Structures are given as C-alpha cells and as structure tokens.
Amino acid sequence: MQSSPFLRISDILRHGAVHHPGAPALVEDGRTWTYAELARETDAYAALLRDLDVRAGDRVMLVAENSVAQVALLFAAAVIDAWSVCVNARLSEGELATIAQHSGARRVLYLVHASPDAAGHAARAGATGCAARPGILAGPCNEACLPEPVDAGAAHVAALVYTTGTTGQPKGVMLSHASLLFVAATSSRLRGLTPDDRAYGGLPISHVYGLTSVLLGTLYAGACLLLAPRFDAARLLAAIRAGELTIVQGVPAMYARLLALAEGEGKGEARPVRSTLRFCYAGGSPLDPALKRAVEALFGLPLHNGYGLSETAPTVSQTRLDAPRADTSVGMPIPGVAVRIVGKQGLDVAPGEPGELWVRGPNLMRGYYRDAATTEAALRPGGWLATGDLARQGPDGALFLLGRTKELIIRSGFNVYPVEVETALNAHPNVVQSAVIGRPLPDGEEEVIAFVEARGVSGAVLADWLRPRLAPYKRPARIVFMDALPAAPSGKILKSRLPPG
C-alpha cells in the first residue's frame, strides 16, 4: 500500500516548493506558475481567508471553474484547517443555494476572472470585491456558521464534495486529508508520473476525479498540469497535436466528443493523431467497447479504464499501464483497497456472479455531512462501504461494472442491466452516446427506454441494429433522440434529468 508522509494536502505543494521550486506546476492561459510561485499564492490566499474571518473547521465555498486561483484557495483552506467546498460555477442558482445552505459555509467566494458564470452568480448574490485579490468576490460572512472540530492528524476533513446526484439529491461527502493523499500518492505511483509529465486539467476540480486523480496526483509527482476552465474538444485536440501533453485523463463522454470532432474533420473517418502522449485514462462512467477501440485507433495508445466514486476519493480500481486490456474491465483494485461482491442477503455471491460492490480501504469517506442515517446505510460493519454499484469480478479478480443498483430494470422477470443496452447502442457508428433507464408500467413491470445522442440515424435503424445483439426483453420499448444528453460539468450523464420520454 502506498502511504503518504504528509498530513495535509497543502504539504504536497510545500514539498514541491522546497525540492523543485522552479519546476512548472500549473499553466493557465499560456502563463506558467512554478511550485514556488504557487506556494506564495497559497500563502497570500490563506491570509485572505483569515481576513475574511474564515476559521479552522469552517466551510469555505468556492464557486469557480478551473484556475490557478481556485487551486491556490483549495490549498489555502487546507493551510488554515478549513474545509473547502468547491462547486462548479455552471450549476444553477438553486443548486448553489442548496449547497451553501446545507454546508453552512462561513463564506462563499466567487472566482470570476476565468468564469462568466461565477460572475453572474456573484452579481445575484451581491458579492463584493477583495481589494488585495482582483477577480475574487466574497459573499457576506455567515455569522451562524459553527466551526467543526479540528483533528490534529490527517483524519481532519479537507474537502466537502457534493455528488452530482445522477439519480437523486446531491450529498455532501466528507473526504479527509488522509483519503485524498492516499489516492494522490497511489495514482501517481501506479501511473508512473514523473516531473517531466504534462497532464491535461480540463476535468472540473470541483469533481473528485479532477480534484484527486488529476490535480493532486499530478502535483504529488512534481509534474505540470495544464488548466482549462472547462473541456473544449477542439482545444484539447489541438494541444495533443502540438505535443503539449503527455497525459490525458477524462470521462468517456469527453473521448466521445474528441472522436466525433476527429471524424468530422476526416469526413466520417478519424485519421490517427500523432502526439507525445504516454497514456490515456478513462473513468467516471462506463466505457463501451466501440468507443474504446475507436479512441485507441485515434491515438495509437491503449485507453486505460478505471473506477471510483466520490465516497472513495475516488479511486477503487484501474487497469495497469503495463497490462492493457482489450475488454472494458475497470481493472484490479488498487493496492490497499479490498472489494467484495455482495448479494441481496448480505453474503458474498459465487465467483463471477453479479452483485453490489463493497469497498474497504484508507480512501473511504468519513461520512455524509449532516446525514447520519444515510451514512449508516452506506458504511457497513467491518469498515465496508456499500457503493450502490452493480459489478462482477472476472477470474483474475478484475472488476466489471453493470450499473447502479437503483438503475437495475426488471423486465418479464429478467434483470436488464442498462450498461449492456447502452453498450449495444453505442456500438452503432452513428451513435455518440446513450442512456438507458427503466420506466414502470401499470402491470408492475418495467419497460426499457433509451435516450440517444446520434447523427443521421433513425429509431427503426437502431431497432434493427439491436435485434441480433440483445435478447427481446432487453431491447428498448422506445428510443428517444436528443441533441445532447443532460450531463454534469464533468461530462457524466445525469439520468435523473432525462425527460419523461
């Protein structure tokens, strides 16, 4: 198991500033920030937080899109033992209000220089400027905020991460410094990161994948992160072609957009891209085989796969760089993390059978903030987290995801796993991505509904495509075409926001 010698995530930056102060840490809009410069920025922002009456144990909410200021404020909150509540500025006004109220944030800060959306939220909230820090607007001090106890060790909460709520209301996941440092150290080691690497930073830092695996994992290795306020397929493809990157990490929807762009340039056929990339990783949602093969052909590299969730900071498993897989397994559990596949009676299923994935390790959350009942339901005796994800294990121990337990569709007495139907749909060359759900019928059964983002294909053609690939009970009763599937800022499809159909 990879352990970290640090007690706070800010120690990652301190270490870099001491041991390689002049090395590039972040790039934003063509400007490079060294580790020493980023450390100085962090100290200045820590002083700003104190001036704004943010105390140890307080929650400080950052409404932002990826930027150097956001990174420095995340580390600054750690320096003063505050909890960071990083929220993507692309969320709605109502969503921000819900998170601010639930977290009881002492201050809400709006980072407006890289985000017009943050500026809009700041204007509606009546936030005022900070003279010492242009581009940072602060909401009023919440005098009712009560600070949480401070743990002397790494068990202190570093970040309160709100889930994207794919099937329901978001929850505040309490992640300790220890859990974030464990994943940062492990990800850095398993991916063989070096100070010479240049990673893509387009995944939102407000999402746990962007926070831990991308930001903290990159800086843990002393490497450089090229920040982008939000994912832009054209800019990313241009950066790859220009040799600016050695590492790309993203969600499958991001790779689907890259592939669609490349195919559009090639009038239906994506030409291979020459680059300096060492590897590409996907995570955050299921990866279908057709997309994996197409992306591998585009970049001439294996597209590695992994699995995690907010409650595990996030990494649970990943495929190995030295052992790429042709299937869409999410790989082996990372060192130090144990897994079980559990049936309805709480007992382990037979090898190879599907069940709910349970996880145990130093990456687990401390619980859901202000929600003891939900915490108790998720954190089981023996230190296990019931993930709510359906999975099976292959003979070699590799994990295969089947979907969420709440998304399992019962049709004619048979189990229908949405990911299986989505995989069949996504294999069609004109389908960009799809989302499959179950809808209840008056007789107590469920029907399968597919929402599809596609180009130049009809429902009848897709129905013919699925006929030899899926059993009758798995085939969608309806196929609904959408210009774009609803998604979180990370690119993860939000099934809870699909239309009635």
Protein backbone atom coordinates (compact mmCIF):
# COMPACT_ATOMS: atom_id res chain seq x y z
CA MET A 1 0.00 0.00 0.00
CA GLN A 2 1.32 3.43 -0.94
CA SER A 3 1.30 5.73 2.08
CA SER A 4 1.97 9.44 2.22
CA PRO A 5 4.35 11.22 4.61
CA PHE A 6 2.10 14.30 4.55
CA LEU A 7 -0.64 15.38 6.98
CA ARG A 8 -2.38 17.98 4.82
CA ILE A 9 -2.90 18.17 1.07
CA SER A 10 -1.11 21.54 1.17
CA ASP A 11 2.05 19.62 2.14
CA ILE A 12 2.19 18.37 -1.46
CA LEU A 13 2.78 21.95 -2.56
CA ARG A 14 5.19 22.72 0.27
CA HIS A 15 7.28 19.70 -0.70
CA GLY A 16 7.38 20.80 -4.32
CA ALA A 17 8.32 24.36 -3.42
CA VAL A 18 11.27 23.11 -1.35
CA HIS A 19 12.59 20.34 -3.60
CA HIS A 20 11.91 21.74 -7.10
CA PRO A 21 10.85 25.38 -6.66
CA GLY A 22 11.48 26.42 -10.26
CA ALA A 23 9.67 23.49 -11.86
CA PRO A 24 6.37 24.24 -13.62
CA ALA A 25 3.31 23.33 -11.56
CA LEU A 26 0.38 24.91 -13.42
CA VAL A 27 -0.20 26.52 -16.80
CA GLU A 28 -3.16 28.89 -17.28
CA ASP A 29 -3.78 30.89 -20.46
CA GLY A 30 -0.19 30.41 -21.56
CA ARG A 31 1.33 31.55 -18.25
CA THR A 32 3.35 29.07 -16.20
CA TRP A 33 3.31 29.03 -12.41
CA THR A 34 6.22 27.32 -10.68
CA TYR A 35 5.86 25.37 -7.46
CA ALA A 36 7.46 28.24 -5.55
CA GLU A 37 5.09 30.79 -7.12
CA LEU A 38 2.07 28.63 -6.39
CA ALA A 39 3.20 28.25 -2.77
CA ARG A 40 3.43 32.03 -2.44
CA GLU A 41 -0.03 32.41 -3.94
CA THR A 42 -1.35 29.87 -1.45
CA ASP A 43 0.11 31.80 1.48
CA ALA A 44 -1.46 35.02 0.18
CA TYR A 45 -4.86 33.34 -0.14
CA ALA A 46 -4.54 31.85 3.34
CA ALA A 47 -4.06 35.39 4.64
CA LEU A 48 -7.10 36.50 2.65
CA LEU A 49 -9.25 33.74 4.16
CA ARG A 50 -8.19 34.82 7.65
CA ASP A 51 -9.01 38.44 6.79
CA LEU A 52 -12.47 37.23 5.73
CA ASP A 53 -12.93 35.65 9.18
CA VAL A 54 -12.71 32.06 7.91
CA ARG A 55 -11.64 29.89 10.85
CA ALA A 56 -10.32 26.38 11.31
CA GLY A 57 -13.25 23.99 10.94
CA ASP A 58 -15.29 26.46 8.87
CA ARG A 59 -16.56 25.54 5.43
CA VAL A 60 -15.49 27.89 2.63
CA MET A 61 -17.39 27.52 -0.62
CA LEU A 62 -15.58 28.25 -3.89
CA VAL A 63 -17.78 28.93 -6.92
CA ALA A 64 -15.36 28.55 -9.79
CA GLU A 65 -14.11 26.89 -12.92
CA ASN A 66 -10.59 25.53 -13.19
CA SER A 67 -8.00 28.22 -12.49
CA VAL A 68 -4.78 28.89 -10.59
CA ALA A 69 -6.73 30.94 -8.04
CA GLN A 70 -9.04 28.00 -7.37
CA VAL A 71 -6.10 25.66 -6.81
CA ALA A 72 -4.36 28.15 -4.51
CA LEU A 73 -7.56 28.64 -2.48
CA LEU A 74 -8.03 24.88 -2.11
CA PHE A 75 -4.54 24.62 -0.65
CA ALA A 76 -5.05 27.80 1.40
CA ALA A 77 -8.14 26.34 3.05
CA ALA A 78 -6.06 23.29 3.98
CA VAL A 79 -3.35 25.53 5.46
CA ILE A 80 -5.81 27.10 7.92
CA ASP A 81 -7.69 23.80 8.53
CA ALA A 82 -10.89 25.00 6.87
CA TRP A 83 -12.98 22.65 4.73
CA SER A 84 -13.09 23.52 1.03
CA VAL A 85 -16.48 23.20 -0.69
CA CYS A 86 -15.59 23.52 -4.35
CA VAL A 87 -18.63 23.99 -6.58
CA ASN A 88 -18.70 24.31 -10.35
CA ALA A 89 -19.94 27.71 -11.44
CA ARG A 90 -22.02 26.09 -14.19
CA LEU A 91 -24.52 24.83 -11.62
CA SER A 92 -27.81 26.66 -11.34
CA GLU A 93 -28.58 29.37 -8.80
CA GLY A 94 -30.87 26.96 -6.94
CA GLU A 95 -28.24 24.23 -6.79
CA LEU A 96 -25.66 26.65 -5.39
CA ALA A 97 -28.13 27.89 -2.77
CA THR A 98 -28.87 24.32 -1.68
CA ILE A 99 -25.19 23.51 -1.24
CA ALA A 100 -24.44 26.79 0.57
CA GLN A 101 -27.28 26.20 2.99
CA HIS A 102 -26.52 22.53 3.61
CA SER A 103 -22.79 23.09 4.11
CA GLY A 104 -23.35 26.11 6.34
CA ALA A 105 -20.44 27.81 4.59
CA ARG A 106 -18.83 30.66 6.50
CA ARG A 107 -18.03 32.40 3.23
CA VAL A 108 -18.93 31.90 -0.42
CA LEU A 109 -16.18 33.10 -2.75
CA TYR A 110 -16.76 33.67 -6.47
CA LEU A 111 -13.74 33.30 -8.75
CA VAL A 112 -14.87 35.45 -11.66
CA HIS A 113 -11.79 36.05 -13.81
CA ALA A 114 -11.99 32.63 -15.50
CA SER A 115 -15.74 32.13 -15.31
CA PRO A 116 -18.55 34.36 -16.59
CA ASP A 117 -20.96 32.01 -14.83
CA ALA A 118 -19.26 32.69 -11.50
CA ALA A 119 -19.55 36.43 -12.21
CA GLY A 120 -23.28 36.03 -12.79
CA HIS A 121 -23.75 34.17 -9.53
CA ALA A 122 -21.68 36.80 -7.69
CA ALA A 123 -23.82 39.63 -9.06
CA ARG A 124 -27.03 37.92 -7.98
CA ALA A 125 -25.58 37.28 -4.51
CA GLY A 126 -24.39 40.88 -4.07
CA ALA A 127 -20.80 39.71 -3.53
CA THR A 128 -18.14 42.37 -3.10
CA GLY A 129 -14.56 42.57 -4.33
CA CYS A 130 -11.41 41.84 -2.36
CA ALA A 131 -9.01 44.72 -2.90
CA ALA A 132 -5.90 42.59 -2.48
CA ARG A 133 -7.13 39.91 -4.88
CA PRO A 134 -8.79 41.10 -8.11
CA GLY A 135 -11.07 38.51 -9.59
CA ILE A 136 -12.24 37.22 -6.19
CA LEU A 137 -15.66 38.36 -4.95
CA ALA A 138 -16.85 37.44 -1.46
CA GLY A 139 -20.36 36.90 -0.21
CA PRO A 140 -21.33 38.06 3.29
CA CYS A 141 -19.94 36.34 6.35
CA ASN A 142 -22.32 33.71 7.71
CA GLU A 143 -22.27 34.54 11.41
CA ALA A 144 -24.40 31.45 12.16
CA CYS A 145 -21.68 29.13 10.88
CA LEU A 146 -20.29 26.88 13.60
CA PRO A 147 -16.78 25.50 13.03
CA GLU A 148 -16.33 21.74 13.08
CA PRO A 149 -13.76 20.15 15.43
CA VAL A 150 -10.22 20.06 14.08
CA ASP A 151 -8.32 16.75 14.04
CA ALA A 152 -4.62 17.08 14.70
CA GLY A 153 -3.75 14.31 12.23
CA ALA A 154 -4.60 13.61 8.62
CA ALA A 155 -8.10 12.47 9.58
CA HIS A 156 -9.26 16.11 9.51
CA VAL A 157 -11.72 16.82 6.70
CA ALA A 158 -10.06 18.55 3.75
CA ALA A 159 -12.93 18.73 1.27
CA LEU A 160 -16.69 18.54 1.33
CA VAL A 161 -17.52 17.20 -2.14
CA TYR A 162 -21.12 17.27 -3.29
CA THR A 163 -22.13 14.39 -5.50
CA THR A 164 -23.57 15.10 -8.92
CA GLY A 165 -26.82 13.40 -7.94
CA THR A 166 -27.26 11.18 -11.04
CA THR A 167 -30.37 9.58 -9.56
CA GLY A 168 -31.33 11.89 -6.71
CA GLN A 169 -30.37 14.80 -4.47
CA PRO A 170 -26.64 15.51 -4.05
CA LYS A 171 -24.99 14.58 -0.78
CA GLY A 172 -22.01 16.19 0.95
CA VAL A 173 -19.17 13.66 1.06
CA MET A 174 -16.59 14.35 3.78
CA LEU A 175 -13.10 13.48 2.49
CA SER A 176 -10.17 13.63 4.87
CA HIS A 177 -6.66 14.73 4.05
CA ALA A 178 -5.60 11.10 4.57
CA SER A 179 -8.02 9.74 1.98
CA LEU A 180 -7.09 12.35 -0.63
CA LEU A 181 -3.35 11.91 -0.01
CA PHE A 182 -3.65 8.12 -0.27
CA VAL A 183 -5.30 8.32 -3.68
CA ALA A 184 -2.95 11.06 -4.90
CA ALA A 185 0.12 9.02 -3.91
CA THR A 186 -1.25 5.75 -5.29
CA SER A 187 -2.43 7.26 -8.58
CA SER A 188 0.89 8.99 -9.06
CA ARG A 189 2.85 5.79 -8.48
CA LEU A 190 0.68 3.38 -10.47
CA ARG A 191 0.62 5.71 -13.46
CA GLY A 192 4.34 6.23 -13.34
CA LEU A 193 4.12 10.01 -13.26
CA THR A 194 7.40 11.94 -13.38
CA PRO A 195 8.30 15.64 -13.13
CA ASP A 196 8.61 15.66 -16.93
CA ASP A 197 4.93 14.86 -17.43
CA ARG A 198 2.38 17.42 -18.62
CA ALA A 199 -1.19 16.48 -17.78
CA TYR A 200 -4.48 17.83 -19.09
CA GLY A 201 -6.53 19.68 -16.47
CA GLY A 202 -9.93 20.01 -18.13
CA LEU A 203 -11.91 17.84 -15.74
CA PRO A 204 -13.57 20.10 -13.16
CA ILE A 205 -11.58 20.38 -9.94
CA SER A 206 -14.97 20.62 -8.24
CA HIS A 207 -15.42 16.93 -9.18
CA VAL A 208 -13.49 14.38 -7.13
CA TYR A 209 -11.85 12.87 -10.24
CA GLY A 210 -10.46 16.25 -11.25
CA LEU A 211 -9.53 17.12 -7.66
CA THR A 212 -7.68 14.00 -6.61
CA SER A 213 -6.56 11.88 -9.55
CA VAL A 214 -5.81 14.81 -11.86
CA LEU A 215 -4.80 17.80 -9.69
CA LEU A 216 -3.35 16.24 -6.54
CA GLY A 217 -1.95 13.17 -8.32
CA THR A 218 -0.12 15.34 -10.85
CA LEU A 219 1.35 17.73 -8.29
CA TYR A 220 2.27 14.83 -5.98
CA ALA A 221 4.65 13.66 -8.71
CA GLY A 222 6.10 17.12 -9.25
CA ALA A 223 4.58 17.21 -12.74
CA CYS A 224 2.79 20.05 -14.53
CA LEU A 225 -0.96 20.48 -15.05
CA LEU A 226 -2.32 22.49 -17.98
CA LEU A 227 -5.53 24.01 -16.66
CA ALA A 228 -8.61 24.58 -18.81
CA PRO A 229 -11.69 26.32 -17.34
CA ARG A 230 -13.86 23.67 -18.98
CA PHE A 231 -13.49 20.88 -21.50
CA ASP A 232 -13.20 22.04 -25.10
CA ALA A 233 -12.72 19.21 -27.61
CA ALA A 234 -11.14 21.40 -30.30
CA ARG A 235 -8.61 22.97 -27.93
CA LEU A 236 -7.70 19.64 -26.37
CA LEU A 237 -7.18 18.00 -29.75
CA ALA A 238 -5.03 20.93 -30.84
CA ALA A 239 -2.93 20.68 -27.65
CA ILE A 240 -2.43 16.97 -28.21
CA ARG A 241 -1.36 17.51 -31.81
CA ALA A 242 1.02 20.29 -30.74
CA GLY A 243 2.82 17.95 -28.34
CA GLU A 244 1.85 19.96 -25.26
CA LEU A 245 0.63 16.94 -23.27
CA THR A 246 1.90 13.55 -22.16
CA ILE A 247 -1.17 12.51 -20.14
CA VAL A 248 -4.89 12.79 -20.74
CA GLN A 249 -7.48 11.73 -18.17
CA GLY A 250 -11.18 12.14 -18.80
CA VAL A 251 -14.66 10.66 -18.78
CA PRO A 252 -15.95 8.57 -21.72
CA ALA A 253 -18.19 11.44 -22.89
CA MET A 254 -15.07 13.58 -23.33
CA TYR A 255 -13.43 10.95 -25.52
CA ALA A 256 -16.66 10.58 -27.49
CA ARG A 257 -16.54 14.33 -28.27
CA LEU A 258 -12.90 14.12 -29.33
CA LEU A 259 -13.67 11.20 -31.60
CA ALA A 260 -16.70 12.93 -33.13
CA LEU A 261 -14.57 16.02 -33.82
CA ALA A 262 -11.82 13.96 -35.45
CA GLU A 263 -14.38 12.06 -37.53
CA GLY A 264 -15.94 15.34 -38.62
CA GLU A 265 -12.56 16.62 -39.77
CA GLY A 266 -11.98 13.40 -41.70
CA LYS A 267 -15.49 13.41 -43.21
CA GLY A 268 -16.58 10.31 -41.33
CA GLU A 269 -13.22 8.66 -40.72
CA ALA A 270 -10.93 9.79 -37.90
CA ARG A 271 -7.31 9.92 -39.01
CA PRO A 272 -4.67 8.79 -36.46
CA VAL A 273 -3.25 11.61 -34.36
CA ARG A 274 0.50 11.92 -33.80
CA SER A 275 1.33 13.13 -30.33
CA THR A 276 3.65 12.95 -27.34
CA LEU A 277 1.02 11.21 -25.21
CA ARG A 278 2.28 8.42 -22.95
CA PHE A 279 -1.14 7.22 -21.87
CA CYS A 280 -4.86 7.99 -21.79
CA TYR A 281 -7.22 7.10 -18.94
CA ALA A 282 -11.00 6.99 -18.75
CA GLY A 283 -13.18 6.92 -15.66
CA GLY A 284 -16.27 8.42 -14.12
CA SER A 285 -18.81 6.36 -16.09
CA PRO A 286 -18.92 3.08 -18.06
CA LEU A 287 -16.68 2.82 -21.11
CA ASP A 288 -18.20 0.95 -24.04
CA PRO A 289 -16.03 -1.29 -26.27
CA ALA A 290 -16.69 0.56 -29.54
CA LEU A 291 -15.56 3.89 -28.10
CA LYS A 292 -12.51 2.29 -26.51
CA ARG A 293 -11.39 0.72 -29.81
CA ALA A 294 -12.01 3.91 -31.78
CA VAL A 295 -10.07 6.12 -29.35
CA GLU A 296 -7.19 3.64 -29.28
CA ALA A 297 -7.04 3.77 -33.07
CA LEU A 298 -7.14 7.57 -32.99
CA PHE A 299 -4.17 7.97 -30.62
CA GLY A 300 -2.33 4.71 -31.18
CA LEU A 301 -2.38 4.01 -27.45
CA PRO A 302 -4.39 1.81 -25.09
CA LEU A 303 -7.29 3.63 -23.47
CA HIS A 304 -6.98 2.53 -19.86
CA ASN A 305 -10.05 2.31 -17.69
CA GLY A 306 -10.70 2.86 -14.00
CA TYR A 307 -13.47 3.08 -11.45
CA GLY A 308 -14.18 5.20 -8.44
CA LEU A 309 -16.80 7.31 -6.71
CA SER A 310 -16.89 10.40 -4.55
CA GLU A 311 -17.13 8.30 -1.41
CA THR A 312 -13.76 6.65 -2.16
CA ALA A 313 -11.84 9.85 -3.02
CA PRO A 314 -12.34 8.46 -5.82
CA THR A 315 -10.17 5.57 -6.99
CA VAL A 316 -11.12 1.95 -6.33
CA SER A 317 -9.60 0.17 -9.31
CA GLN A 318 -7.75 0.81 -12.54
CA THR A 319 -6.11 -1.09 -15.35
CA ARG A 320 -2.34 -1.33 -15.32
CA LEU A 321 -0.18 0.59 -17.76
CA ASP A 322 1.98 -2.50 -18.32
CA ALA A 323 -1.03 -4.77 -18.86
CA PRO A 324 -3.58 -3.03 -21.12
CA ARG A 325 -6.86 -4.86 -21.60
CA ALA A 326 -8.92 -5.42 -24.71
CA ASP A 327 -12.15 -5.60 -22.67
CA THR A 328 -13.84 -2.81 -20.74
CA SER A 329 -12.94 -4.01 -17.27
CA VAL A 330 -12.20 -1.22 -14.82
CA GLY A 331 -9.16 -3.17 -13.69
CA MET A 332 -7.90 -4.55 -10.43
CA PRO A 333 -8.46 -2.94 -7.02
CA ILE A 334 -5.57 -0.60 -6.25
CA PRO A 335 -3.11 -1.72 -3.57
CA GLY A 336 -4.53 -1.25 -0.07
CA VAL A 337 -8.16 -1.44 -1.21
CA ALA A 338 -10.29 -4.56 -0.71
CA VAL A 339 -13.53 -5.38 -2.52
CA ARG A 340 -16.47 -7.77 -2.14
CA ILE A 341 -19.39 -8.61 -4.44
CA VAL A 342 -22.45 -8.94 -2.21
CA GLY A 343 -25.90 -10.42 -2.86
CA LYS A 344 -29.28 -9.37 -1.50
CA GLN A 345 -28.84 -11.29 1.75
CA GLY A 346 -25.56 -9.54 2.55
CA LEU A 347 -23.47 -12.59 1.63
CA ASP A 348 -20.74 -12.76 -0.99
CA VAL A 349 -22.01 -14.09 -4.32
CA ALA A 350 -20.44 -17.00 -6.17
CA PRO A 351 -17.35 -16.14 -8.27
CA GLY A 352 -18.31 -14.39 -11.47
CA GLU A 353 -21.88 -13.64 -10.39
CA PRO A 354 -23.23 -10.05 -10.26
CA GLY A 355 -23.93 -8.23 -7.02
CA GLU A 356 -23.36 -4.97 -5.18
CA LEU A 357 -19.76 -3.84 -4.92
CA TRP A 358 -18.48 -3.23 -1.39
CA VAL A 359 -15.16 -1.48 -0.79
CA ARG A 360 -12.81 -1.10 2.19
CA GLY A 361 -9.61 0.92 2.43
CA PRO A 362 -7.89 4.16 3.51
CA ASN A 363 -9.62 6.04 0.68
CA LEU A 364 -13.11 5.88 2.24
CA MET A 365 -15.05 8.99 3.18
CA ARG A 366 -15.69 9.92 6.78
CA GLY A 367 -19.40 10.02 6.02
CA TYR A 368 -22.11 12.25 4.57
CA TYR A 369 -22.21 15.67 6.18
CA ARG A 370 -25.21 16.23 8.42
CA ASP A 371 -26.79 12.94 7.32
CA ALA A 372 -26.21 10.24 9.91
CA ALA A 373 -28.92 7.94 8.54
CA THR A 374 -27.53 7.84 5.01
CA THR A 375 -24.00 7.43 6.39
CA GLU A 376 -25.09 4.44 8.46
CA ALA A 377 -26.76 2.87 5.43
CA ALA A 378 -23.60 3.22 3.32
CA LEU A 379 -20.84 2.47 5.84
CA ARG A 380 -21.33 -1.12 6.99
CA PRO A 381 -19.78 -3.08 9.88
CA GLY A 382 -16.18 -4.11 9.34
CA GLY A 383 -15.27 -0.84 7.62
CA TRP A 384 -17.06 -1.61 4.34
CA LEU A 385 -18.71 0.92 2.04
CA ALA A 386 -21.75 -0.34 0.12
CA THR A 387 -21.22 1.53 -3.16
CA GLY A 388 -24.66 1.00 -4.71
CA ASP A 389 -22.90 -0.11 -7.91
CA LEU A 390 -23.55 -3.48 -9.53
CA ALA A 391 -20.44 -5.36 -10.57
CA ARG A 392 -18.90 -8.75 -11.14
CA GLN A 393 -15.34 -10.00 -10.86
CA GLY A 394 -13.54 -11.88 -13.59
CA PRO A 395 -11.41 -14.98 -12.90
CA ASP A 396 -8.32 -12.78 -12.50
CA GLY A 397 -10.06 -10.51 -9.99
CA ALA A 398 -10.67 -7.66 -12.41
CA LEU A 399 -13.91 -5.73 -11.92
CA PHE A 400 -16.66 -5.23 -14.49
CA LEU A 401 -19.36 -2.61 -13.83
CA LEU A 402 -23.00 -3.33 -14.61
CA GLY A 403 -24.67 -0.12 -13.42
CA ARG A 404 -26.30 1.25 -10.30
CA THR A 405 -28.43 -1.00 -8.08
CA LYS A 406 -31.20 1.60 -8.31
CA GLU A 407 -31.00 1.52 -12.11
CA LEU A 408 -31.50 -2.25 -12.46
CA ILE A 409 -34.53 -2.86 -14.70
CA ILE A 410 -36.84 -5.82 -14.09
CA ARG A 411 -38.47 -6.84 -17.36
CA SER A 412 -40.58 -10.01 -17.74
CA GLY A 413 -38.94 -11.35 -14.60
CA PHE A 414 -35.43 -10.88 -16.03
CA ASN A 415 -32.72 -8.47 -14.90
CA VAL A 416 -31.77 -5.86 -17.50
CA TYR A 417 -28.51 -4.04 -16.84
CA PRO A 418 -28.61 -0.59 -18.54
CA VAL A 419 -24.90 -0.65 -19.36
CA GLU A 420 -25.41 -3.75 -21.53
CA VAL A 421 -28.08 -1.99 -23.62
CA GLU A 422 -26.02 1.21 -23.76
CA THR A 423 -23.01 -0.75 -24.97
CA ALA A 424 -25.03 -2.25 -27.82
CA LEU A 425 -26.40 1.16 -28.81
CA ASN A 426 -23.04 2.92 -28.59
CA ALA A 427 -21.51 0.31 -30.89
CA HIS A 428 -23.50 1.79 -33.79
CA PRO A 429 -21.17 4.10 -35.74
CA ASN A 430 -23.69 6.98 -35.76
CA VAL A 431 -24.37 6.95 -32.01
CA VAL A 432 -22.32 9.39 -29.90
CA GLN A 433 -23.65 8.22 -26.52
CA SER A 434 -26.78 6.84 -24.90
CA ALA A 435 -28.54 6.49 -21.57
CA VAL A 436 -30.94 3.66 -20.73
CA ILE A 437 -33.45 3.66 -17.89
CA GLY A 438 -36.50 1.70 -16.77
CA ARG A 439 -39.99 3.17 -16.60
CA PRO A 440 -42.78 1.49 -14.55
CA LEU A 441 -45.87 0.09 -16.29
CA PRO A 442 -49.38 -0.27 -14.81
CA ASP A 443 -48.98 -4.06 -14.56
CA GLY A 444 -45.99 -3.71 -12.25
CA GLU A 445 -43.44 -4.48 -14.97
CA GLU A 446 -40.86 -2.03 -16.33
CA GLU A 447 -40.16 -1.02 -19.89
CA VAL A 448 -36.73 -0.19 -21.23
CA ILE A 449 -36.34 3.38 -22.54
CA ALA A 450 -33.25 4.50 -24.43
CA PHE A 451 -32.20 8.14 -24.84
CA VAL A 452 -29.75 8.56 -27.69
CA GLU A 453 -27.44 11.29 -28.95
CA ALA A 454 -26.73 10.38 -32.56
CA ARG A 455 -26.09 11.67 -36.09
CA GLY A 456 -28.14 10.71 -39.16
CA VAL A 457 -29.79 7.53 -37.91
CA SER A 458 -33.44 6.65 -37.25
CA GLY A 459 -35.11 4.71 -34.47
CA ALA A 460 -36.06 1.94 -36.91
CA VAL A 461 -32.44 1.53 -37.98
CA LEU A 462 -31.27 1.33 -34.35
CA ALA A 463 -34.01 -1.19 -33.57
CA ASP A 464 -32.76 -3.36 -36.44
CA TRP A 465 -29.21 -2.92 -35.16
CA LEU A 466 -30.15 -4.15 -31.68
CA ARG A 467 -32.20 -7.15 -32.81
CA PRO A 468 -29.27 -9.57 -33.30
CA ARG A 469 -27.36 -8.11 -30.36
CA LEU A 470 -29.87 -8.18 -27.50
CA ALA A 471 -32.49 -10.61 -26.23
CA PRO A 472 -36.07 -9.38 -26.80
CA TYR A 473 -36.62 -8.44 -23.14
CA LYS A 474 -33.52 -6.20 -23.21
CA ARG A 475 -34.48 -4.21 -26.31
CA PRO A 476 -35.82 -0.68 -25.70
CA ALA A 477 -39.57 -0.21 -25.99
CA ARG A 478 -38.82 3.37 -27.05
CA ILE A 479 -35.80 5.18 -28.44
CA VAL A 480 -35.81 8.91 -27.75
CA PHE A 481 -33.39 11.11 -29.70
CA MET A 482 -31.83 14.16 -28.02
CA ASP A 483 -29.48 16.83 -29.33
CA ALA A 484 -27.43 16.38 -26.13
CA LEU A 485 -27.88 14.18 -23.09
CA PRO A 486 -28.07 16.05 -19.76
CA ALA A 487 -24.67 15.98 -18.12
CA ALA A 488 -22.79 17.27 -15.10
CA PRO A 489 -19.87 19.68 -15.69
CA SER A 490 -17.61 16.61 -15.51
CA GLY A 491 -19.41 15.12 -18.53
CA LYS A 492 -21.15 12.42 -16.53
CA ILE A 493 -24.66 11.73 -17.84
CA LEU A 494 -27.37 12.70 -15.35
CA LYS A 495 -30.15 10.17 -15.78
CA SER A 496 -32.29 11.95 -13.17
CA ARG A 497 -32.64 14.85 -15.63
CA LEU A 498 -33.80 12.84 -18.62
CA PRO A 499 -37.26 13.89 -19.93
CA PRO A 500 -40.37 11.74 -19.28
CA GLY A 501 -39.86 10.04 -22.63
